[in-house]
Amino acid sequence: MIEAEIVIPSDVAEILYRSLKPEEGSQSERSEVKVYLQEDTVRIEVRAVDVVSARAALNTWLRLVDVVLETGEVLK
């Protein structure tokens, strides 16, 4: 089992968390992702059965984070 953690401190952590949380249930059979909010930090835990699925999951979640943060910038 491959495990990775993405930690994102942000002043918009709650918005980021609420945007990502609904996606938590849409994992593949080969990976599992949990999203947590801790004060001003979002933590994303990724568990995958192999390196290939871990890389795919990490890329997906980093892309989702980028989309949320970029959307927030456009809406300001």
C-alpha atoms as a PDB file:
ATOM      1  CA  MET A   1       0.000   0.000   0.000  1.00  0.00           C
ATOM      2  CA  ILE A   2       1.294   3.433  -1.005  1.00  0.00           C
ATOM      3  CA  GLU A   3       0.331   6.370   1.228  1.00  0.00           C
ATOM      4  CA  ALA A   4       0.740  10.085   0.564  1.00  0.00           C
ATOM      5  CA  GLU A   5      -0.455  13.259   2.199  1.00  0.00           C
ATOM      6  CA  ILE A   6      -1.052  16.700   0.715  1.00  0.00           C
ATOM      7  CA  VAL A   7      -1.134  19.551   3.256  1.00  0.00           C
ATOM      8  CA  ILE A   8      -2.464  22.911   2.070  1.00  0.00           C
ATOM      9  CA  PRO A   9      -2.398  25.852   4.483  1.00  0.00           C
ATOM     10  CA  SER A  10      -4.721  28.533   3.152  1.00  0.00           C
ATOM     11  CA  ASP A  11      -6.800  31.485   4.253  1.00  0.00           C
ATOM     12  CA  VAL A  12      -9.640  29.920   2.228  1.00  0.00           C
ATOM     13  CA  ALA A  13      -9.228  26.449   3.740  1.00  0.00           C
ATOM     14  CA  GLU A  14     -12.917  26.050   4.581  1.00  0.00           C
ATOM     15  CA  ILE A  15     -14.004  26.914   1.041  1.00  0.00           C
ATOM     16  CA  LEU A  16     -11.385  24.546  -0.355  1.00  0.00           C
ATOM     17  CA  TYR A  17     -12.505  21.785   2.006  1.00  0.00           C
ATOM     18  CA  ARG A  18     -16.203  22.222   1.172  1.00  0.00           C
ATOM     19  CA  SER A  19     -15.386  22.151  -2.536  1.00  0.00           C
ATOM     20  CA  LEU A  20     -13.276  18.990  -2.324  1.00  0.00           C
ATOM     21  CA  LYS A  21     -15.263  16.978   0.226  1.00  0.00           C
ATOM     22  CA  PRO A  22     -18.054  15.893  -2.200  1.00  0.00           C
ATOM     23  CA  GLU A  23     -15.412  14.378  -4.494  1.00  0.00           C
ATOM     24  CA  GLU A  24     -14.101  12.167  -1.696  1.00  0.00           C
ATOM     25  CA  GLY A  25     -16.465   9.315  -2.558  1.00  0.00           C
ATOM     26  CA  SER A  26     -15.507   9.148  -6.229  1.00  0.00           C
ATOM     27  CA  GLN A  27     -12.354   7.067  -5.904  1.00  0.00           C
ATOM     28  CA  SER A  28     -11.260   4.241  -8.097  1.00  0.00           C
ATOM     29  CA  GLU A  29     -11.049   0.658  -6.906  1.00  0.00           C
ATOM     30  CA  ARG A  30      -7.284   1.067  -6.577  1.00  0.00           C
ATOM     31  CA  SER A  31      -7.138   4.210  -4.454  1.00  0.00           C
ATOM     32  CA  GLU A  32      -8.879   5.861  -1.533  1.00  0.00           C
ATOM     33  CA  VAL A  33      -8.844   9.538  -0.604  1.00  0.00           C
ATOM     34  CA  LYS A  34      -9.882  11.291   2.601  1.00  0.00           C
ATOM     35  CA  VAL A  35     -10.148  15.074   2.984  1.00  0.00           C
ATOM     36  CA  TYR A  36      -9.815  16.800   6.362  1.00  0.00           C
ATOM     37  CA  LEU A  37     -10.098  20.391   7.584  1.00  0.00           C
ATOM     38  CA  GLN A  38      -7.901  21.436  10.500  1.00  0.00           C
ATOM     39  CA  GLU A  39      -8.258  25.140  11.322  1.00  0.00           C
ATOM     40  CA  ASP A  40      -6.691  26.942   8.328  1.00  0.00           C
ATOM     41  CA  THR A  41      -5.297  23.808   6.667  1.00  0.00           C
ATOM     42  CA  VAL A  42      -6.760  21.215   4.317  1.00  0.00           C
ATOM     43  CA  ARG A  43      -5.195  17.775   4.492  1.00  0.00           C
ATOM     44  CA  ILE A  44      -5.714  15.198   1.750  1.00  0.00           C
ATOM     45  CA  GLU A  45      -4.707  11.612   2.489  1.00  0.00           C
ATOM     46  CA  VAL A  46      -4.230   9.280  -0.465  1.00  0.00           C
ATOM     47  CA  ARG A  47      -3.899   5.503  -0.168  1.00  0.00           C
ATOM     48  CA  ALA A  48      -3.323   3.404  -3.255  1.00  0.00           C
ATOM     49  CA  VAL A  49      -2.503  -0.193  -4.059  1.00  0.00           C
ATOM     50  CA  ASP A  50       0.474   0.673  -6.285  1.00  0.00           C
ATOM     51  CA  VAL A  51       2.614   3.555  -7.485  1.00  0.00           C
ATOM     52  CA  VAL A  52       0.686   4.015 -10.736  1.00  0.00           C
ATOM     53  CA  SER A  53      -2.667   4.458  -8.993  1.00  0.00           C
ATOM     54  CA  ALA A  54      -1.066   6.680  -6.324  1.00  0.00           C
ATOM     55  CA  ARG A  55       0.347   8.965  -9.009  1.00  0.00           C
ATOM     56  CA  ALA A  56      -3.000   9.110 -10.802  1.00  0.00           C
ATOM     57  CA  ALA A  57      -4.882   9.923  -7.595  1.00  0.00           C
ATOM     58  CA  LEU A  58      -2.368  12.587  -6.556  1.00  0.00           C
ATOM     59  CA  ASN A  59      -2.510  14.211  -9.997  1.00  0.00           C
ATOM     60  CA  THR A  60      -6.307  14.232  -9.902  1.00  0.00           C
ATOM     61  CA  TRP A  61      -6.525  15.782  -6.443  1.00  0.00           C
ATOM     62  CA  LEU A  62      -3.818  18.349  -7.106  1.00  0.00           C
ATOM     63  CA  ARG A  63      -5.704  19.347 -10.257  1.00  0.00           C
ATOM     64  CA  LEU A  64      -8.942  19.683  -8.248  1.00  0.00           C
ATOM     65  CA  VAL A  65      -7.170  21.876  -5.676  1.00  0.00           C
ATOM     66  CA  ASP A  66      -5.783  24.047  -8.470  1.00  0.00           C
ATOM     67  CA  VAL A  67      -9.222  24.442 -10.071  1.00  0.00           C
ATOM     68  CA  VAL A  68     -10.804  25.504  -6.769  1.00  0.00           C
ATOM     69  CA  LEU A  69      -8.052  28.019  -5.977  1.00  0.00           C
ATOM     70  CA  GLU A  70      -7.994  29.431  -9.517  1.00  0.00           C
ATOM     71  CA  THR A  71     -11.783  29.767  -9.519  1.00  0.00           C
ATOM     72  CA  GLY A  72     -11.591  31.657  -6.246  1.00  0.00           C
ATOM     73  CA  GLU A  73      -9.072  34.059  -7.752  1.00  0.00           C
ATOM     74  CA  VAL A  74     -11.308  34.733 -10.770  1.00  0.00           C
ATOM     75  CA  LEU A  75     -14.316  35.398  -8.543  1.00  0.00           C
ATOM     76  CA  LYS A  76     -12.517  37.941  -6.348  1.00  0.00           C
END
